[in-house]
Amino acid sequence: MSDEIDTATLASIDVLISYKNGSMSLDEAVNQFCYLTGLSKDIGAKFIRSMSRSNIINLSCEDHGGLK
């Protein structure tokens, strides 16, 4: 058994991290992820859309920072 991870797996992880951090659009991430993993675009898009993103700012009108 080998503990080494192949380059396609590492590259697909890099794509997911780039999307999560906001440096890649959903379309770019889906295209690259599906190319690397062999998944269909439908499955890849569902998987990636389910991820949370760390660069999202909540602009909700309900929160005015304590201002009235």
C-alpha atoms as a PDB file:
ATOM      1  CA  MET A   1       0.000   0.000   0.000  1.00  0.00           C
ATOM      2  CA  SER A   2       1.353   3.393  -0.975  1.00  0.00           C
ATOM      3  CA  ASP A   3       0.789   6.537   1.085  1.00  0.00           C
ATOM      4  CA  GLU A   4       1.495   8.777  -1.895  1.00  0.00           C
ATOM      5  CA  ILE A   5      -1.330  10.822  -3.404  1.00  0.00           C
ATOM      6  CA  ASP A   6      -1.313  11.203  -7.179  1.00  0.00           C
ATOM      7  CA  THR A   7      -0.979  14.621  -8.788  1.00  0.00           C
ATOM      8  CA  ALA A   8      -4.564  14.667 -10.129  1.00  0.00           C
ATOM      9  CA  THR A   9      -5.910  14.246  -6.592  1.00  0.00           C
ATOM     10  CA  LEU A  10      -3.677  17.020  -5.282  1.00  0.00           C
ATOM     11  CA  ALA A  11      -4.664  19.272  -8.185  1.00  0.00           C
ATOM     12  CA  SER A  12      -8.380  18.639  -7.578  1.00  0.00           C
ATOM     13  CA  ILE A  13      -7.904  19.578  -3.904  1.00  0.00           C
ATOM     14  CA  ASP A  14      -6.146  22.775  -5.010  1.00  0.00           C
ATOM     15  CA  VAL A  15      -9.126  23.612  -7.248  1.00  0.00           C
ATOM     16  CA  LEU A  16     -11.546  23.167  -4.343  1.00  0.00           C
ATOM     17  CA  ILE A  17      -9.406  25.346  -2.065  1.00  0.00           C
ATOM     18  CA  SER A  18      -9.140  28.049  -4.738  1.00  0.00           C
ATOM     19  CA  TYR A  19     -12.917  28.056  -5.163  1.00  0.00           C
ATOM     20  CA  LYS A  20     -13.489  28.117  -1.405  1.00  0.00           C
ATOM     21  CA  ASN A  21     -11.123  31.089  -1.012  1.00  0.00           C
ATOM     22  CA  GLY A  22     -12.793  32.988  -3.860  1.00  0.00           C
ATOM     23  CA  SER A  23      -9.913  33.019  -6.312  1.00  0.00           C
ATOM     24  CA  MET A  24     -11.829  30.865  -8.820  1.00  0.00           C
ATOM     25  CA  SER A  25     -15.370  31.165 -10.165  1.00  0.00           C
ATOM     26  CA  LEU A  26     -17.888  28.337  -9.956  1.00  0.00           C
ATOM     27  CA  ASP A  27     -17.637  27.660 -13.700  1.00  0.00           C
ATOM     28  CA  GLU A  28     -13.834  27.526 -13.610  1.00  0.00           C
ATOM     29  CA  ALA A  29     -13.860  25.260 -10.580  1.00  0.00           C
ATOM     30  CA  VAL A  30     -16.428  22.874 -12.069  1.00  0.00           C
ATOM     31  CA  ASN A  31     -14.569  22.623 -15.382  1.00  0.00           C
ATOM     32  CA  GLN A  32     -11.194  21.986 -13.774  1.00  0.00           C
ATOM     33  CA  PHE A  33     -12.514  19.676 -11.047  1.00  0.00           C
ATOM     34  CA  CYS A  34     -14.436  17.539 -13.531  1.00  0.00           C
ATOM     35  CA  TYR A  35     -11.470  17.367 -15.900  1.00  0.00           C
ATOM     36  CA  LEU A  36      -9.217  16.179 -13.074  1.00  0.00           C
ATOM     37  CA  THR A  37     -11.637  13.726 -11.452  1.00  0.00           C
ATOM     38  CA  GLY A  38     -13.567  12.411 -14.430  1.00  0.00           C
ATOM     39  CA  LEU A  39     -16.906  13.320 -12.821  1.00  0.00           C
ATOM     40  CA  SER A  40     -19.733  14.656 -14.932  1.00  0.00           C
ATOM     41  CA  LYS A  41     -20.301  18.408 -14.829  1.00  0.00           C
ATOM     42  CA  ASP A  42     -23.678  17.931 -13.131  1.00  0.00           C
ATOM     43  CA  ILE A  43     -22.169  15.922 -10.271  1.00  0.00           C
ATOM     44  CA  GLY A  44     -19.132  18.193  -9.994  1.00  0.00           C
ATOM     45  CA  ALA A  45     -21.312  21.309  -9.870  1.00  0.00           C
ATOM     46  CA  LYS A  46     -23.565  19.824  -7.162  1.00  0.00           C
ATOM     47  CA  PHE A  47     -20.535  18.869  -5.097  1.00  0.00           C
ATOM     48  CA  ILE A  48     -18.826  22.255  -5.428  1.00  0.00           C
ATOM     49  CA  ARG A  49     -22.042  24.258  -4.855  1.00  0.00           C
ATOM     50  CA  SER A  50     -22.516  22.434  -1.561  1.00  0.00           C
ATOM     51  CA  MET A  51     -19.228  23.849  -0.253  1.00  0.00           C
ATOM     52  CA  SER A  52     -19.213  26.976   1.858  1.00  0.00           C
ATOM     53  CA  ARG A  53     -16.990  29.835   0.732  1.00  0.00           C
ATOM     54  CA  SER A  54     -14.745  31.751   3.089  1.00  0.00           C
ATOM     55  CA  ASN A  55     -14.837  35.032   1.159  1.00  0.00           C
ATOM     56  CA  ILE A  56     -18.571  35.688   1.512  1.00  0.00           C
ATOM     57  CA  ILE A  57     -19.697  38.781   3.431  1.00  0.00           C
ATOM     58  CA  ASN A  58     -23.234  38.903   4.791  1.00  0.00           C
ATOM     59  CA  LEU A  59     -24.937  42.097   3.604  1.00  0.00           C
ATOM     60  CA  SER A  60     -28.247  41.342   5.263  1.00  0.00           C
ATOM     61  CA  CYS A  61     -30.554  44.332   5.745  1.00  0.00           C
ATOM     62  CA  GLU A  62     -31.553  42.958   9.137  1.00  0.00           C
ATOM     63  CA  ASP A  63     -28.160  43.682  10.684  1.00  0.00           C
ATOM     64  CA  HIS A  64     -27.349  47.397  10.832  1.00  0.00           C
ATOM     65  CA  GLY A  65     -24.512  47.149  13.308  1.00  0.00           C
ATOM     66  CA  GLY A  66     -26.703  48.245  16.188  1.00  0.00           C
ATOM     67  CA  LEU A  67     -27.908  51.403  14.381  1.00  0.00           C
ATOM     68  CA  LYS A  68     -31.581  52.279  14.422  1.00  0.00           C
END
